Amino acid sequence: MCNLAIDEKHQRKGIATSLVYECERQVKEWYSDDESRRKKKDEENVDRDILYNSNNEMTNRILSKTKNVMSDSICLKVRESNKAAVQMYSKLGYVTVFEEIEDPKTGENIFLMRKDLRSLLPSLSPSPAAELASE
């Protein structure tokens, strides 16, 4: 997930939550393939994540040390100051696994949050976003 934002006049209506659920549903679909294919894709995705974030040494170290754990998860970054987003992600099962300082002058922290996918894999039920779209 990258840059999830909801226009102010449409906030607090469950739209962001529905979008997150839809992302999770899509990930479940991608990773419901057979185990060997899943492991290969996980390794490729973690390697891509490490390359994409190559300017962030701490994140790279965490991802490389926890490669097996992180391969069964969804990760995102969110500013600590965005209290509403942090609260929403926490309610959705995301846990802060690392804090990094974005700007040493302001002390703004960025949370790396993670949600375990293993609990999501068995169910491929329609997401709330899909249900909203059908209404």
C-alpha atoms as a PDB file:
ATOM      1  CA  MET A   1       0.000   0.000   0.000  1.00  0.00           C
ATOM      2  CA  CYS A   2       1.328   3.417  -0.809  1.00  0.00           C
ATOM      3  CA  ASN A   3      -0.075   6.866  -0.034  1.00  0.00           C
ATOM      4  CA  LEU A   4      -3.551   5.914   1.076  1.00  0.00           C
ATOM      5  CA  ALA A   5      -5.523   9.145   1.517  1.00  0.00           C
ATOM      6  CA  ILE A   6      -9.210   9.972   1.708  1.00  0.00           C
ATOM      7  CA  ASP A   7     -10.610  13.425   0.948  1.00  0.00           C
ATOM      8  CA  GLU A   8     -11.581  15.169   4.198  1.00  0.00           C
ATOM      9  CA  LYS A   9     -15.278  15.362   3.327  1.00  0.00           C
ATOM     10  CA  HIS A  10     -15.364  11.570   2.867  1.00  0.00           C
ATOM     11  CA  GLN A  11     -13.343  10.549   5.918  1.00  0.00           C
ATOM     12  CA  ARG A  12     -14.767   8.508   8.812  1.00  0.00           C
ATOM     13  CA  LYS A  13     -17.081   6.587   6.456  1.00  0.00           C
ATOM     14  CA  GLY A  14     -15.084   3.337   6.319  1.00  0.00           C
ATOM     15  CA  ILE A  15     -13.567   4.027   2.905  1.00  0.00           C
ATOM     16  CA  ALA A  16      -9.931   3.676   4.017  1.00  0.00           C
ATOM     17  CA  THR A  17     -10.742   0.507   5.935  1.00  0.00           C
ATOM     18  CA  SER A  18     -12.453  -0.917   2.860  1.00  0.00           C
ATOM     19  CA  LEU A  19      -9.449  -0.067   0.694  1.00  0.00           C
ATOM     20  CA  VAL A  20      -7.097  -1.767   3.168  1.00  0.00           C
ATOM     21  CA  TYR A  21      -9.346  -4.848   3.228  1.00  0.00           C
ATOM     22  CA  GLU A  22      -9.335  -4.885  -0.575  1.00  0.00           C
ATOM     23  CA  CYS A  23      -5.510  -4.753  -0.601  1.00  0.00           C
ATOM     24  CA  GLU A  24      -5.452  -7.633   1.876  1.00  0.00           C
ATOM     25  CA  ARG A  25      -7.947  -9.606  -0.221  1.00  0.00           C
ATOM     26  CA  GLN A  26      -5.778  -9.133  -3.292  1.00  0.00           C
ATOM     27  CA  VAL A  27      -2.701 -10.277  -1.398  1.00  0.00           C
ATOM     28  CA  LYS A  28      -4.596 -13.346  -0.147  1.00  0.00           C
ATOM     29  CA  GLU A  29      -5.482 -14.160  -3.742  1.00  0.00           C
ATOM     30  CA  TRP A  30      -1.884 -13.781  -4.904  1.00  0.00           C
ATOM     31  CA  TYR A  31      -0.527 -15.942  -2.106  1.00  0.00           C
ATOM     32  CA  SER A  32      -3.107 -18.719  -2.118  1.00  0.00           C
ATOM     33  CA  ASP A  33      -1.114 -20.542  -4.829  1.00  0.00           C
ATOM     34  CA  ASP A  34       0.787 -23.730  -4.010  1.00  0.00           C
ATOM     35  CA  GLU A  35       3.458 -23.515  -1.295  1.00  0.00           C
ATOM     36  CA  SER A  36       6.567 -23.692  -3.493  1.00  0.00           C
ATOM     37  CA  ARG A  37       5.363 -20.941  -5.798  1.00  0.00           C
ATOM     38  CA  ARG A  38       4.383 -18.834  -2.778  1.00  0.00           C
ATOM     39  CA  LYS A  39       7.803 -19.184  -1.171  1.00  0.00           C
ATOM     40  CA  LYS A  40       9.536 -18.211  -4.411  1.00  0.00           C
ATOM     41  CA  LYS A  41       7.321 -15.125  -4.825  1.00  0.00           C
ATOM     42  CA  ASP A  42       7.839 -14.140  -1.180  1.00  0.00           C
ATOM     43  CA  GLU A  43      11.605 -14.238  -1.615  1.00  0.00           C
ATOM     44  CA  GLU A  44      11.383 -12.155  -4.792  1.00  0.00           C
ATOM     45  CA  ASN A  45       9.079  -9.612  -3.120  1.00  0.00           C
ATOM     46  CA  VAL A  46      11.315  -9.228  -0.067  1.00  0.00           C
ATOM     47  CA  ASP A  47      14.339  -8.829  -2.350  1.00  0.00           C
ATOM     48  CA  ARG A  48      12.463  -6.162  -4.346  1.00  0.00           C
ATOM     49  CA  ASP A  49      11.435  -4.403  -1.134  1.00  0.00           C
ATOM     50  CA  ILE A  50      15.051  -4.317  -0.004  1.00  0.00           C
ATOM     51  CA  LEU A  51      16.130  -2.826  -3.345  1.00  0.00           C
ATOM     52  CA  TYR A  52      13.257  -0.318  -3.334  1.00  0.00           C
ATOM     53  CA  ASN A  53      14.140   0.842   0.160  1.00  0.00           C
ATOM     54  CA  SER A  54      17.903   0.739  -0.398  1.00  0.00           C
ATOM     55  CA  ASN A  55      18.260   4.291   0.914  1.00  0.00           C
ATOM     56  CA  ASN A  56      16.844   3.181   4.261  1.00  0.00           C
ATOM     57  CA  GLU A  57      19.526   1.141   5.989  1.00  0.00           C
ATOM     58  CA  MET A  58      17.527   0.302   9.128  1.00  0.00           C
ATOM     59  CA  THR A  59      14.518  -0.988   7.207  1.00  0.00           C
ATOM     60  CA  ASN A  60      16.848  -3.103   5.051  1.00  0.00           C
ATOM     61  CA  ARG A  61      18.443  -4.661   8.114  1.00  0.00           C
ATOM     62  CA  ILE A  62      15.057  -5.484   9.625  1.00  0.00           C
ATOM     63  CA  LEU A  63      13.749  -6.975   6.384  1.00  0.00           C
ATOM     64  CA  SER A  64      16.876  -9.063   5.813  1.00  0.00           C
ATOM     65  CA  LYS A  65      16.981 -10.337   9.426  1.00  0.00           C
ATOM     66  CA  THR A  66      13.295 -11.234   9.418  1.00  0.00           C
ATOM     67  CA  LYS A  67      12.993 -12.399   5.818  1.00  0.00           C
ATOM     68  CA  ASN A  68      11.003 -15.547   6.674  1.00  0.00           C
ATOM     69  CA  VAL A  69       8.709 -13.708   9.085  1.00  0.00           C
ATOM     70  CA  MET A  70       8.218 -10.708   6.822  1.00  0.00           C
ATOM     71  CA  SER A  71       7.450 -12.894   3.818  1.00  0.00           C
ATOM     72  CA  ASP A  72       4.178 -13.903   5.497  1.00  0.00           C
ATOM     73  CA  SER A  73       3.075 -10.349   6.148  1.00  0.00           C
ATOM     74  CA  ILE A  74       1.875  -7.060   4.763  1.00  0.00           C
ATOM     75  CA  CYS A  75       3.930  -4.011   5.698  1.00  0.00           C
ATOM     76  CA  LEU A  76       3.317  -0.313   5.471  1.00  0.00           C
ATOM     77  CA  LYS A  77       4.800   2.925   6.710  1.00  0.00           C
ATOM     78  CA  VAL A  78       2.840   5.670   8.418  1.00  0.00           C
ATOM     79  CA  ARG A  79       3.839   8.900  10.136  1.00  0.00           C
ATOM     80  CA  GLU A  80       3.530   8.764  13.908  1.00  0.00           C
ATOM     81  CA  SER A  81       1.813  12.165  13.804  1.00  0.00           C
ATOM     82  CA  ASN A  82      -1.013  10.713  11.685  1.00  0.00           C
ATOM     83  CA  LYS A  83      -2.817   9.447  14.788  1.00  0.00           C
ATOM     84  CA  ALA A  84      -6.040   8.540  12.970  1.00  0.00           C
ATOM     85  CA  ALA A  85      -4.188   6.330  10.475  1.00  0.00           C
ATOM     86  CA  VAL A  86      -2.058   4.684  13.175  1.00  0.00           C
ATOM     87  CA  GLN A  87      -5.206   3.951  15.173  1.00  0.00           C
ATOM     88  CA  MET A  88      -7.029   2.548  12.126  1.00  0.00           C
ATOM     89  CA  TYR A  89      -4.128   0.274  11.155  1.00  0.00           C
ATOM     90  CA  SER A  90      -3.816  -0.918  14.771  1.00  0.00           C
ATOM     91  CA  LYS A  91      -7.527  -1.786  14.854  1.00  0.00           C
ATOM     92  CA  LEU A  92      -7.058  -3.709  11.605  1.00  0.00           C
ATOM     93  CA  GLY A  93      -4.327  -5.855  13.182  1.00  0.00           C
ATOM     94  CA  TYR A  94      -1.169  -4.034  12.126  1.00  0.00           C
ATOM     95  CA  VAL A  95       1.604  -3.859  14.712  1.00  0.00           C
ATOM     96  CA  THR A  96       4.481  -1.382  14.821  1.00  0.00           C
ATOM     97  CA  VAL A  97       7.686  -3.349  14.313  1.00  0.00           C
ATOM     98  CA  PHE A  98      10.095  -0.462  13.917  1.00  0.00           C
ATOM     99  CA  GLU A  99      10.288   3.315  14.290  1.00  0.00           C
ATOM    100  CA  GLU A 100      12.574   5.455  12.167  1.00  0.00           C
ATOM    101  CA  ILE A 101      13.238   9.170  12.355  1.00  0.00           C
ATOM    102  CA  GLU A 102      12.257  10.790   9.068  1.00  0.00           C
ATOM    103  CA  ASP A 103      13.664  14.232   9.839  1.00  0.00           C
ATOM    104  CA  PRO A 104      16.161  14.575  12.710  1.00  0.00           C
ATOM    105  CA  LYS A 105      15.428  18.324  12.928  1.00  0.00           C
ATOM    106  CA  THR A 106      11.716  17.857  13.606  1.00  0.00           C
ATOM    107  CA  GLY A 107      11.980  14.444  15.228  1.00  0.00           C
ATOM    108  CA  GLU A 108       9.080  13.160  13.094  1.00  0.00           C
ATOM    109  CA  ASN A 109       8.902   9.379  13.395  1.00  0.00           C
ATOM    110  CA  ILE A 110       7.758   6.925  10.774  1.00  0.00           C
ATOM    111  CA  PHE A 111       6.275   3.630  11.932  1.00  0.00           C
ATOM    112  CA  LEU A 112       6.898   0.453   9.975  1.00  0.00           C
ATOM    113  CA  MET A 113       3.749  -1.560  10.658  1.00  0.00           C
ATOM    114  CA  ARG A 114       3.191  -5.229   9.865  1.00  0.00           C
ATOM    115  CA  LYS A 115       0.208  -7.575   9.708  1.00  0.00           C
ATOM    116  CA  ASP A 116       0.601 -11.339   9.664  1.00  0.00           C
ATOM    117  CA  LEU A 117      -0.876 -12.877   6.513  1.00  0.00           C
ATOM    118  CA  ARG A 118      -1.071 -16.443   7.773  1.00  0.00           C
ATOM    119  CA  SER A 119      -4.332 -15.708   9.547  1.00  0.00           C
ATOM    120  CA  LEU A 120      -5.728 -14.219   6.330  1.00  0.00           C
ATOM    121  CA  LEU A 121      -4.813 -16.967   3.882  1.00  0.00           C
ATOM    122  CA  PRO A 122      -7.599 -19.528   4.459  1.00  0.00           C
ATOM    123  CA  SER A 123     -10.458 -17.105   3.820  1.00  0.00           C
ATOM    124  CA  LEU A 124     -11.125 -15.560   0.444  1.00  0.00           C
ATOM    125  CA  SER A 125     -14.460 -14.021   1.366  1.00  0.00           C
ATOM    126  CA  PRO A 126     -15.550 -10.845  -0.428  1.00  0.00           C
ATOM    127  CA  SER A 127     -13.998  -7.722   0.992  1.00  0.00           C
ATOM    128  CA  PRO A 128     -16.021  -4.879   2.476  1.00  0.00           C
ATOM    129  CA  ALA A 129     -14.915  -2.802  -0.541  1.00  0.00           C
ATOM    130  CA  ALA A 130     -16.475  -5.326  -2.907  1.00  0.00           C
ATOM    131  CA  GLU A 131     -19.649  -5.334  -0.825  1.00  0.00           C
ATOM    132  CA  LEU A 132     -19.797  -1.510  -0.922  1.00  0.00           C
ATOM    133  CA  ALA A 133     -19.328  -1.547  -4.690  1.00  0.00           C
ATOM    134  CA  SER A 134     -22.285  -3.895  -5.109  1.00  0.00           C
ATOM    135  CA  GLU A 135     -24.654  -1.643  -3.110  1.00  0.00           C
END
